[in-house]
Amino acid sequence: MMAATGLDETILARLVHCFYNRVRADPVLGPVFATRISDWGPHLERMVAFWSSVALMTGRYHGTPVTAHAGLPVTWAHFELWLALFRATAVETCPPAGAAHVIARAERIARSLHMAVEDGARAAGQAVPALR
């Protein structure tokens, strides 16, 4: 996978750190993350392991991302913004084949997490905005 994408652990770590710097600075996404993450070091390490598992199939990540995101107060607009920041960061930090690889996975992940958020909102009796 590394040869096909040009990705490695160093590139993925740079992607994750640059991306979450942008997320934290974003006026919409920053507050959503700030209310849930007080110690960014462990979160960033976990996200590097996650992307290593997703992009390079290393199996480093052991967690339940759907469960962690199910109760978030976000809409598809938040996920679109997250994707826009991720795409831009991937293009800037990864080789072209690697950027395409992680972007495709991020798009699938965003849709899955959005469905989990919708399901959680429905279970709580909240209105759910339609996905475009």
Protein backbone atom coordinates (compact mmCIF):
# COMPACT_ATOMS: atom_id res chain seq x y z
CA MET A 1 0.00 0.00 0.00
CA MET A 2 2.85 2.38 0.78
CA ALA A 3 4.37 1.93 -2.68
CA ALA A 4 1.03 2.44 -4.42
CA THR A 5 0.06 5.59 -2.51
CA GLY A 6 3.39 7.14 -1.55
CA LEU A 7 2.08 7.34 2.02
CA ASP A 8 3.99 6.40 5.14
CA GLU A 9 3.65 7.00 8.86
CA THR A 10 5.52 10.33 8.69
CA ILE A 11 3.24 11.71 5.98
CA LEU A 12 0.13 10.52 7.79
CA ALA A 13 1.30 12.11 11.04
CA ARG A 14 1.87 15.41 9.22
CA LEU A 15 -1.58 15.13 7.60
CA VAL A 16 -3.29 14.51 10.93
CA HIS A 17 -1.47 17.28 12.79
CA CYS A 18 -1.98 19.86 10.03
CA PHE A 19 -5.61 18.88 9.60
CA TYR A 20 -6.48 19.12 13.28
CA ASN A 21 -4.68 22.46 13.56
CA ARG A 22 -7.12 23.70 10.92
CA VAL A 23 -10.08 22.07 12.65
CA ARG A 24 -9.16 23.67 15.96
CA ALA A 25 -8.87 27.10 14.31
CA ASP A 26 -12.13 26.76 12.40
CA PRO A 27 -14.92 28.92 13.88
CA VAL A 28 -17.56 26.22 13.31
CA LEU A 29 -15.70 22.97 13.95
CA GLY A 30 -13.28 24.24 16.59
CA PRO A 31 -15.91 24.66 19.33
CA VAL A 32 -17.39 21.19 18.64
CA PHE A 33 -14.00 19.61 19.23
CA ALA A 34 -13.03 21.95 22.09
CA THR A 35 -15.98 20.84 24.22
CA ARG A 36 -14.90 17.21 23.93
CA ILE A 37 -11.11 17.19 23.73
CA SER A 38 -9.04 18.81 26.44
CA ASP A 39 -5.77 16.93 25.91
CA TRP A 40 -4.93 16.96 22.22
CA GLY A 41 -1.75 14.86 22.46
CA PRO A 42 -3.50 11.51 23.00
CA HIS A 43 -6.23 12.39 20.51
CA LEU A 44 -3.71 13.17 17.79
CA GLU A 45 -1.82 9.94 18.50
CA ARG A 46 -5.11 8.04 18.24
CA MET A 47 -5.94 9.78 14.94
CA VAL A 48 -2.51 8.97 13.49
CA ALA A 49 -3.09 5.32 14.43
CA PHE A 50 -6.58 5.52 12.89
CA TRP A 51 -5.33 6.90 9.58
CA SER A 52 -2.45 4.42 9.58
CA SER A 53 -5.02 1.64 9.85
CA VAL A 54 -7.35 3.16 7.28
CA ALA A 55 -4.76 4.22 4.72
CA LEU A 56 -2.02 1.62 5.16
CA MET A 57 -4.02 -1.23 6.74
CA THR A 58 -1.56 -1.46 9.65
CA GLY A 59 -4.15 -2.44 12.24
CA ARG A 60 -2.74 0.12 14.70
CA TYR A 61 -6.11 1.63 15.61
CA HIS A 62 -8.33 -0.08 18.15
CA GLY A 63 -11.44 1.93 18.82
CA THR A 64 -15.08 2.52 18.00
CA PRO A 65 -15.34 5.73 15.96
CA VAL A 66 -19.06 5.33 15.24
CA THR A 67 -19.87 5.11 18.94
CA ALA A 68 -17.63 8.08 19.71
CA HIS A 69 -19.41 10.27 17.15
CA ALA A 70 -23.01 9.07 17.49
CA GLY A 71 -24.11 11.72 20.00
CA LEU A 72 -22.41 14.75 18.49
CA PRO A 73 -24.53 17.87 17.86
CA VAL A 74 -23.57 18.11 14.19
CA THR A 75 -25.29 18.13 10.81
CA TRP A 76 -24.16 17.19 7.34
CA ALA A 77 -22.92 20.79 6.95
CA HIS A 78 -20.34 20.09 9.67
CA PHE A 79 -19.20 16.98 7.84
CA GLU A 80 -18.95 18.91 4.57
CA LEU A 81 -16.74 21.48 6.27
CA TRP A 82 -14.66 18.70 7.86
CA LEU A 83 -14.24 17.12 4.42
CA ALA A 84 -13.28 20.42 2.79
CA LEU A 85 -10.54 20.98 5.38
CA PHE A 86 -9.40 17.36 5.09
CA ARG A 87 -9.26 17.45 1.28
CA ALA A 88 -7.22 20.66 1.26
CA THR A 89 -4.83 19.32 3.90
CA ALA A 90 -4.42 15.98 2.12
CA VAL A 91 -3.60 17.68 -1.18
CA GLU A 92 -1.01 19.86 0.56
CA THR A 93 0.65 17.15 2.67
CA CYS A 94 0.39 13.93 0.66
CA PRO A 95 1.63 12.80 -2.74
CA PRO A 96 -1.19 12.91 -5.34
CA ALA A 97 -1.98 9.19 -5.22
CA GLY A 98 -1.89 9.26 -1.41
CA ALA A 99 -4.14 12.30 -1.25
CA ALA A 100 -6.70 10.62 -3.51
CA HIS A 101 -6.49 7.48 -1.38
CA VAL A 102 -7.12 9.18 1.98
CA ILE A 103 -9.74 11.56 0.56
CA ALA A 104 -11.80 8.66 -0.81
CA ARG A 105 -11.66 6.99 2.59
CA ALA A 106 -12.50 10.22 4.42
CA GLU A 107 -15.58 10.69 2.26
CA ARG A 108 -16.83 7.19 3.12
CA ILE A 109 -16.05 7.71 6.79
CA ALA A 110 -17.91 11.05 6.86
CA ARG A 111 -21.02 9.45 5.37
CA SER A 112 -20.89 6.57 7.85
CA LEU A 113 -20.42 8.88 10.82
CA HIS A 114 -23.17 11.16 9.59
CA MET A 115 -25.55 8.19 9.44
CA ALA A 116 -24.56 7.29 13.02
CA VAL A 117 -25.25 10.86 14.15
CA GLU A 118 -28.64 10.77 12.38
CA ASP A 119 -29.50 7.45 14.01
CA GLY A 120 -28.56 8.84 17.41
CA ALA A 121 -30.68 11.93 16.83
CA ARG A 122 -33.65 9.83 15.74
CA ALA A 123 -33.30 7.65 18.83
CA ALA A 124 -33.37 10.81 20.96
CA GLY A 125 -36.47 12.06 19.13
CA GLN A 126 -34.70 14.97 17.44
CA ALA A 127 -35.34 16.23 13.91
CA VAL A 128 -32.77 15.04 11.39
CA PRO A 129 -31.78 17.28 8.45
CA ALA A 130 -31.71 15.55 5.07
CA LEU A 131 -28.40 14.57 3.48
CA ARG A 132 -27.81 16.28 0.16
